[in-house]
Amino acid sequence: MFFVAANSAAGVALTHDAVLRELGAALTLRKEQCLRRERRALARARGLPDEAAVPAEELDRTPFAAVYKFFGNP
């Protein structure tokens, strides 16, 4: 089963899967931009020359990561 949305102006038909791929790509790009901005802000706060000096692993995106680091993972 798939959903077809037709754009009458351009005459383009998009399948449901194509829409999901586009949405996924947009969300991935947005996430990368947010992480880059956070690394840049963290580097600036530490007085480092650029965000490359801050490892990406330092921005842990695991839910409750700070809690697990403090109390341990149950």
PDB file of N, CA and C in Angstrom:
ATOM      1  N   MET A   1       0.839  -1.174   0.000  1.00  0.00           N
ATOM      2  CA  MET A   1       0.000   0.000   0.000  1.00  0.00           C
ATOM      3  C   MET A   1       0.884   1.236   0.000  1.00  0.00           C
ATOM      4  N   PHE A   2       0.613   2.151  -0.874  1.00  0.00           N
ATOM      5  CA  PHE A   2       1.346   3.400  -0.851  1.00  0.00           C
ATOM      6  C   PHE A   2       0.429   4.545  -1.232  1.00  0.00           C
ATOM      7  N   PHE A   3       0.824   5.705  -0.825  1.00  0.00           N
ATOM      8  CA  PHE A   3       0.042   6.916  -0.989  1.00  0.00           C
ATOM      9  C   PHE A   3       0.663   7.755  -2.100  1.00  0.00           C
ATOM     10  N   VAL A   4      -0.159   8.234  -3.016  1.00  0.00           N
ATOM     11  CA  VAL A   4       0.349   9.067  -4.100  1.00  0.00           C
ATOM     12  C   VAL A   4      -0.240  10.460  -3.953  1.00  0.00           C
ATOM     13  N   ALA A   5       0.640  11.444  -3.831  1.00  0.00           N
ATOM     14  CA  ALA A   5       0.214  12.834  -3.780  1.00  0.00           C
ATOM     15  C   ALA A   5       0.641  13.482  -5.086  1.00  0.00           C
ATOM     16  N   ALA A   6      -0.290  14.087  -5.775  1.00  0.00           N
ATOM     17  CA  ALA A   6       0.046  14.691  -7.059  1.00  0.00           C
ATOM     18  C   ALA A   6       0.151  16.200  -6.908  1.00  0.00           C
ATOM     19  N   ASN A   7       1.213  16.747  -7.442  1.00  0.00           N
ATOM     20  CA  ASN A   7       1.407  18.185  -7.473  1.00  0.00           C
ATOM     21  C   ASN A   7       0.920  18.641  -8.839  1.00  0.00           C
ATOM     22  N   SER A   8      -0.257  19.239  -8.898  1.00  0.00           N
ATOM     23  CA  SER A   8      -0.850  19.569 -10.187  1.00  0.00           C
ATOM     24  C   SER A   8      -0.054  20.625 -10.941  1.00  0.00           C
ATOM     25  N   ALA A   9       0.616  21.518 -10.235  1.00  0.00           N
ATOM     26  CA  ALA A   9       1.377  22.571 -10.909  1.00  0.00           C
ATOM     27  C   ALA A   9       2.563  21.985 -11.658  1.00  0.00           C
ATOM     28  N   ALA A  10       3.271  21.087 -11.051  1.00  0.00           N
ATOM     29  CA  ALA A  10       4.464  20.520 -11.683  1.00  0.00           C
ATOM     30  C   ALA A  10       4.178  19.180 -12.352  1.00  0.00           C
ATOM     31  N   GLY A  11       3.043  18.591 -12.050  1.00  0.00           N
ATOM     32  CA  GLY A  11       2.721  17.301 -12.626  1.00  0.00           C
ATOM     33  C   GLY A  11       3.590  16.183 -12.083  1.00  0.00           C
ATOM     34  N   VAL A  12       4.032  16.322 -10.836  1.00  0.00           N
ATOM     35  CA  VAL A  12       4.934  15.353 -10.224  1.00  0.00           C
ATOM     36  C   VAL A  12       4.160  14.522  -9.214  1.00  0.00           C
ATOM     37  N   ALA A  13       4.343  13.211  -9.258  1.00  0.00           N
ATOM     38  CA  ALA A  13       3.711  12.319  -8.292  1.00  0.00           C
ATOM     39  C   ALA A  13       4.776  11.799  -7.334  1.00  0.00           C
ATOM     40  N   LEU A  14       4.495  11.922  -6.044  1.00  0.00           N
ATOM     41  CA  LEU A  14       5.426  11.430  -5.024  1.00  0.00           C
ATOM     42  C   LEU A  14       4.796  10.257  -4.294  1.00  0.00           C
ATOM     43  N   THR A  15       5.545   9.203  -4.137  1.00  0.00           N
ATOM     44  CA  THR A  15       5.039   8.084  -3.361  1.00  0.00           C
ATOM     45  C   THR A  15       5.252   8.369  -1.882  1.00  0.00           C
ATOM     46  N   HIS A  16       4.600   7.605  -1.082  1.00  0.00           N
ATOM     47  CA  HIS A  16       4.729   7.738   0.371  1.00  0.00           C
ATOM     48  C   HIS A  16       6.178   7.523   0.801  1.00  0.00           C
ATOM     49  N   ASP A  17       6.841   6.544   0.207  1.00  0.00           N
ATOM     50  CA  ASP A  17       8.244   6.270   0.542  1.00  0.00           C
ATOM     51  C   ASP A  17       9.151   7.439   0.187  1.00  0.00           C
ATOM     52  N   ALA A  18       8.903   8.078  -0.939  1.00  0.00           N
ATOM     53  CA  ALA A  18       9.719   9.223  -1.346  1.00  0.00           C
ATOM     54  C   ALA A  18       9.546  10.382  -0.371  1.00  0.00           C
ATOM     55  N   VAL A  19       8.330  10.588   0.083  1.00  0.00           N
ATOM     56  CA  VAL A  19       8.066  11.647   1.057  1.00  0.00           C
ATOM     57  C   VAL A  19       8.802  11.346   2.360  1.00  0.00           C
ATOM     58  N   LEU A  20       8.763  10.093   2.794  1.00  0.00           N
ATOM     59  CA  LEU A  20       9.466   9.716   4.021  1.00  0.00           C
ATOM     60  C   LEU A  20      10.977   9.877   3.879  1.00  0.00           C
ATOM     61  N   ARG A  21      11.529   9.539   2.710  1.00  0.00           N
ATOM     62  CA  ARG A  21      12.965   9.734   2.479  1.00  0.00           C
ATOM     63  C   ARG A  21      13.341  11.208   2.550  1.00  0.00           C
ATOM     64  N   GLU A  22      12.533  12.061   1.938  1.00  0.00           N
ATOM     65  CA  GLU A  22      12.798  13.505   1.969  1.00  0.00           C
ATOM     66  C   GLU A  22      12.725  14.037   3.394  1.00  0.00           C
ATOM     67  N   LEU A  23      11.735  13.596   4.146  1.00  0.00           N
ATOM     68  CA  LEU A  23      11.597  14.031   5.530  1.00  0.00           C
ATOM     69  C   LEU A  23      12.783  13.561   6.358  1.00  0.00           C
ATOM     70  N   GLY A  24      13.188  12.312   6.180  1.00  0.00           N
ATOM     71  CA  GLY A  24      14.345  11.785   6.904  1.00  0.00           C
ATOM     72  C   GLY A  24      15.612  12.551   6.587  1.00  0.00           C
ATOM     73  N   ALA A  25      15.810  12.887   5.315  1.00  0.00           N
ATOM     74  CA  ALA A  25      16.999  13.653   4.921  1.00  0.00           C
ATOM     75  C   ALA A  25      16.979  15.042   5.544  1.00  0.00           C
ATOM     76  N   ALA A  26      15.812  15.671   5.567  1.00  0.00           N
ATOM     77  CA  ALA A  26      15.706  17.007   6.161  1.00  0.00           C
ATOM     78  C   ALA A  26      15.978  16.964   7.660  1.00  0.00           C
ATOM     79  N   LEU A  27      15.461  15.956   8.340  1.00  0.00           N
ATOM     80  CA  LEU A  27      15.683  15.840   9.782  1.00  0.00           C
ATOM     81  C   LEU A  27      17.142  15.541  10.097  1.00  0.00           C
ATOM     82  N   THR A  28      17.789  14.712   9.290  1.00  0.00           N
ATOM     83  CA  THR A  28      19.207  14.413   9.488  1.00  0.00           C
ATOM     84  C   THR A  28      20.045  15.669   9.311  1.00  0.00           C
ATOM     85  N   LEU A  29      19.749  16.443   8.281  1.00  0.00           N
ATOM     86  CA  LEU A  29      20.478  17.690   8.045  1.00  0.00           C
ATOM     87  C   LEU A  29      20.286  18.652   9.209  1.00  0.00           C
ATOM     88  N   ARG A  30      19.057  18.759   9.692  1.00  0.00           N
ATOM     89  CA  ARG A  30      18.765  19.657  10.818  1.00  0.00           C
ATOM     90  C   ARG A  30      19.517  19.216  12.074  1.00  0.00           C
ATOM     91  N   LYS A  31      19.556  17.909  12.332  1.00  0.00           N
ATOM     92  CA  LYS A  31      20.269  17.392  13.501  1.00  0.00           C
ATOM     93  C   LYS A  31      21.758  17.703  13.404  1.00  0.00           C
ATOM     94  N   GLU A  32      22.334  17.512  12.223  1.00  0.00           N
ATOM     95  CA  GLU A  32      23.756  17.814  12.035  1.00  0.00           C
ATOM     96  C   GLU A  32      24.040  19.295  12.247  1.00  0.00           C
ATOM     97  N   GLN A  33      23.143  20.156  11.772  1.00  0.00           N
ATOM     98  CA  GLN A  33      23.323  21.597  11.968  1.00  0.00           C
ATOM     99  C   GLN A  33      23.257  21.960  13.448  1.00  0.00           C
ATOM    100  N   CYS A  34      22.332  21.355  14.178  1.00  0.00           N
ATOM    101  CA  CYS A  34      22.200  21.636  15.613  1.00  0.00           C
ATOM    102  C   CYS A  34      23.437  21.165  16.378  1.00  0.00           C
ATOM    103  N   LEU A  35      23.928  19.977  16.061  1.00  0.00           N
ATOM    104  CA  LEU A  35      25.125  19.468  16.734  1.00  0.00           C
ATOM    105  C   LEU A  35      26.340  20.336  16.439  1.00  0.00           C
ATOM    106  N   ARG A  36      26.458  20.796  15.195  1.00  0.00           N
ATOM    107  CA  ARG A  36      27.576  21.669  14.821  1.00  0.00           C
ATOM    108  C   ARG A  36      27.503  22.989  15.597  1.00  0.00           C
ATOM    109  N   ARG A  37      26.291  23.532  15.731  1.00  0.00           N
ATOM    110  CA  ARG A  37      26.107  24.781  16.481  1.00  0.00           C
ATOM    111  C   ARG A  37      26.450  24.581  17.957  1.00  0.00           C
ATOM    112  N   GLU A  38      26.058  23.450  18.535  1.00  0.00           N
ATOM    113  CA  GLU A  38      26.377  23.179  19.941  1.00  0.00           C
ATOM    114  C   GLU A  38      27.874  23.005  20.151  1.00  0.00           C
ATOM    115  N   ARG A  39      28.544  22.303  19.222  1.00  0.00           N
ATOM    116  CA  ARG A  39      30.003  22.137  19.339  1.00  0.00           C
ATOM    117  C   ARG A  39      30.706  23.479  19.235  1.00  0.00           C
ATOM    118  N   ARG A  40      30.222  24.347  18.343  1.00  0.00           N
ATOM    119  CA  ARG A  40      30.825  25.671  18.185  1.00  0.00           C
ATOM    120  C   ARG A  40      30.640  26.499  19.459  1.00  0.00           C
ATOM    121  N   ALA A  41      29.446  26.440  20.058  1.00  0.00           N
ATOM    122  CA  ALA A  41      29.183  27.180  21.293  1.00  0.00           C
ATOM    123  C   ALA A  41      30.027  26.641  22.445  1.00  0.00           C
ATOM    124  N   LEU A  42      30.169  25.324  22.530  1.00  0.00           N
ATOM    125  CA  LEU A  42      30.976  24.727  23.589  1.00  0.00           C
ATOM    126  C   LEU A  42      32.446  25.099  23.426  1.00  0.00           C
ATOM    127  N   ALA A  43      32.940  25.090  22.197  1.00  0.00           N
ATOM    128  CA  ALA A  43      34.332  25.482  21.943  1.00  0.00           C
ATOM    129  C   ALA A  43      34.548  26.945  22.308  1.00  0.00           C
ATOM    130  N   ARG A  44      33.587  27.791  21.958  1.00  0.00           N
ATOM    131  CA  ARG A  44      33.696  29.214  22.280  1.00  0.00           C
ATOM    132  C   ARG A  44      33.694  29.425  23.791  1.00  0.00           C
ATOM    133  N   ALA A  45      32.853  28.679  24.503  1.00  0.00           N
ATOM    134  CA  ALA A  45      32.784  28.811  25.960  1.00  0.00           C
ATOM    135  C   ALA A  45      34.079  28.360  26.627  1.00  0.00           C
ATOM    136  N   ARG A  46      34.759  27.399  26.009  1.00  0.00           N
ATOM    137  CA  ARG A  46      36.026  26.904  26.562  1.00  0.00           C
ATOM    138  C   ARG A  46      37.237  27.684  26.062  1.00  0.00           C
ATOM    139  N   GLY A  47      37.009  28.634  25.165  1.00  0.00           N
ATOM    140  CA  GLY A  47      38.108  29.424  24.632  1.00  0.00           C
ATOM    141  C   GLY A  47      38.936  28.699  23.592  1.00  0.00           C
ATOM    142  N   LEU A  48      38.356  27.690  22.954  1.00  0.00           N
ATOM    143  CA  LEU A  48      39.057  26.930  21.914  1.00  0.00           C
ATOM    144  C   LEU A  48      38.872  27.612  20.558  1.00  0.00           C
ATOM    145  N   PRO A  49      39.813  27.416  19.631  1.00  0.00           N
ATOM    146  CA  PRO A  49      39.745  28.128  18.353  1.00  0.00           C
ATOM    147  C   PRO A  49      38.572  27.726  17.450  1.00  0.00           C
ATOM    148  N   ASP A  50      38.187  26.469  17.431  1.00  0.00           N
ATOM    149  CA  ASP A  50      37.066  26.054  16.589  1.00  0.00           C
ATOM    150  C   ASP A  50      36.408  24.807  17.153  1.00  0.00           C
ATOM    151  N   GLU A  51      35.247  24.450  16.572  1.00  0.00           N
ATOM    152  CA  GLU A  51      34.491  23.308  17.101  1.00  0.00           C
ATOM    153  C   GLU A  51      35.174  21.975  16.855  1.00  0.00           C
ATOM    154  N   ALA A  52      36.166  21.928  15.958  1.00  0.00           N
ATOM    155  CA  ALA A  52      36.888  20.680  15.709  1.00  0.00           C
ATOM    156  C   ALA A  52      37.662  20.235  16.944  1.00  0.00           C
ATOM    157  N   ALA A  53      37.929  21.176  17.857  1.00  0.00           N
ATOM    158  CA  ALA A  53      38.658  20.847  19.074  1.00  0.00           C
ATOM    159  C   ALA A  53      37.774  20.115  20.085  1.00  0.00           C
ATOM    160  N   VAL A  54      36.456  20.125  19.868  1.00  0.00           N
ATOM    161  CA  VAL A  54      35.519  19.443  20.767  1.00  0.00           C
ATOM    162  C   VAL A  54      35.080  18.150  20.084  1.00  0.00           C
ATOM    163  N   PRO A  55      35.395  16.998  20.670  1.00  0.00           N
ATOM    164  CA  PRO A  55      35.000  15.732  20.032  1.00  0.00           C
ATOM    165  C   PRO A  55      33.480  15.572  19.995  1.00  0.00           C
ATOM    166  N   ALA A  56      32.971  15.002  18.923  1.00  0.00           N
ATOM    167  CA  ALA A  56      31.528  14.816  18.759  1.00  0.00           C
ATOM    168  C   ALA A  56      30.956  13.912  19.847  1.00  0.00           C
ATOM    169  N   GLU A  57      31.777  12.975  20.341  1.00  0.00           N
ATOM    170  CA  GLU A  57      31.302  12.049  21.376  1.00  0.00           C
ATOM    171  C   GLU A  57      30.989  12.773  22.680  1.00  0.00           C
ATOM    172  N   GLU A  58      31.551  13.964  22.841  1.00  0.00           N
ATOM    173  CA  GLU A  58      31.314  14.706  24.073  1.00  0.00           C
ATOM    174  C   GLU A  58      29.868  15.189  24.170  1.00  0.00           C
ATOM    175  N   LEU A  59      29.224  15.350  23.031  1.00  0.00           N
ATOM    176  CA  LEU A  59      27.817  15.736  23.011  1.00  0.00           C
ATOM    177  C   LEU A  59      26.988  14.463  22.916  1.00  0.00           C
ATOM    178  N   ASP A  60      26.847  13.775  24.019  1.00  0.00           N
ATOM    179  CA  ASP A  60      26.151  12.490  24.055  1.00  0.00           C
ATOM    180  C   ASP A  60      24.654  12.718  23.903  1.00  0.00           C
ATOM    181  N   ARG A  61      24.043  12.076  22.925  1.00  0.00           N
ATOM    182  CA  ARG A  61      22.621  12.248  22.657  1.00  0.00           C
ATOM    183  C   ARG A  61      21.781  11.088  23.195  1.00  0.00           C
ATOM    184  N   THR A  62      22.353  10.260  24.037  1.00  0.00           N
ATOM    185  CA  THR A  62      21.600   9.159  24.620  1.00  0.00           C
ATOM    186  C   THR A  62      20.624   9.725  25.648  1.00  0.00           C
ATOM    187  N   PRO A  63      19.361   9.293  25.615  1.00  0.00           N
ATOM    188  CA  PRO A  63      18.423   9.786  26.619  1.00  0.00           C
ATOM    189  C   PRO A  63      18.929   9.487  28.029  1.00  0.00           C
ATOM    190  N   PHE A  64      18.851  10.457  28.889  1.00  0.00           N
ATOM    191  CA  PHE A  64      19.258  10.354  30.293  1.00  0.00           C
ATOM    192  C   PHE A  64      20.745  10.055  30.450  1.00  0.00           C
ATOM    193  N   ALA A  65      21.563  10.435  29.481  1.00  0.00           N
ATOM    194  CA  ALA A  65      23.000  10.140  29.526  1.00  0.00           C
ATOM    195  C   ALA A  65      23.648  10.734  30.770  1.00  0.00           C
ATOM    196  N   ALA A  66      23.282  11.955  31.119  1.00  0.00           N
ATOM    197  CA  ALA A  66      23.879  12.599  32.292  1.00  0.00           C
ATOM    198  C   ALA A  66      23.483  11.863  33.569  1.00  0.00           C
ATOM    199  N   VAL A  67      22.247  11.392  33.632  1.00  0.00           N
ATOM    200  CA  VAL A  67      21.780  10.655  34.813  1.00  0.00           C
ATOM    201  C   VAL A  67      22.539   9.344  34.935  1.00  0.00           C
ATOM    202  N   TYR A  68      22.717   8.644  33.797  1.00  0.00           N
ATOM    203  CA  TYR A  68      23.433   7.372  33.818  1.00  0.00           C
ATOM    204  C   TYR A  68      24.894   7.555  34.206  1.00  0.00           C
ATOM    205  N   LYS A  69      25.513   8.665  33.761  1.00  0.00           N
ATOM    206  CA  LYS A  69      26.901   8.915  34.127  1.00  0.00           C
ATOM    207  C   LYS A  69      27.030   9.137  35.628  1.00  0.00           C
ATOM    208  N   PHE A  70      26.042   9.793  36.218  1.00  0.00           N
ATOM    209  CA  PHE A  70      26.100  10.103  37.639  1.00  0.00           C
ATOM    210  C   PHE A  70      25.722   8.901  38.505  1.00  0.00           C
ATOM    211  N   PHE A  71      24.582   8.265  38.183  1.00  0.00           N
ATOM    212  CA  PHE A  71      24.061   7.182  39.018  1.00  0.00           C
ATOM    213  C   PHE A  71      24.403   5.787  38.504  1.00  0.00           C
ATOM    214  N   GLY A  72      24.851   5.687  37.271  1.00  0.00           N
ATOM    215  CA  GLY A  72      25.088   4.374  36.674  1.00  0.00           C
ATOM    216  C   GLY A  72      23.854   3.912  35.925  1.00  0.00           C
ATOM    217  N   ASN A  73      24.046   3.049  34.963  1.00  0.00           N
ATOM    218  CA  ASN A  73      22.953   2.539  34.149  1.00  0.00           C
ATOM    219  C   ASN A  73      22.299   1.363  34.872  1.00  0.00           C
ATOM    220  N   PRO A  74      20.976   1.431  35.097  1.00  0.00           N
ATOM    221  CA  PRO A  74      20.298   0.345  35.845  1.00  0.00           C
ATOM    222  C   PRO A  74      20.282  -0.974  35.119  1.00  0.00           C
TER     223      PRO A  74
END
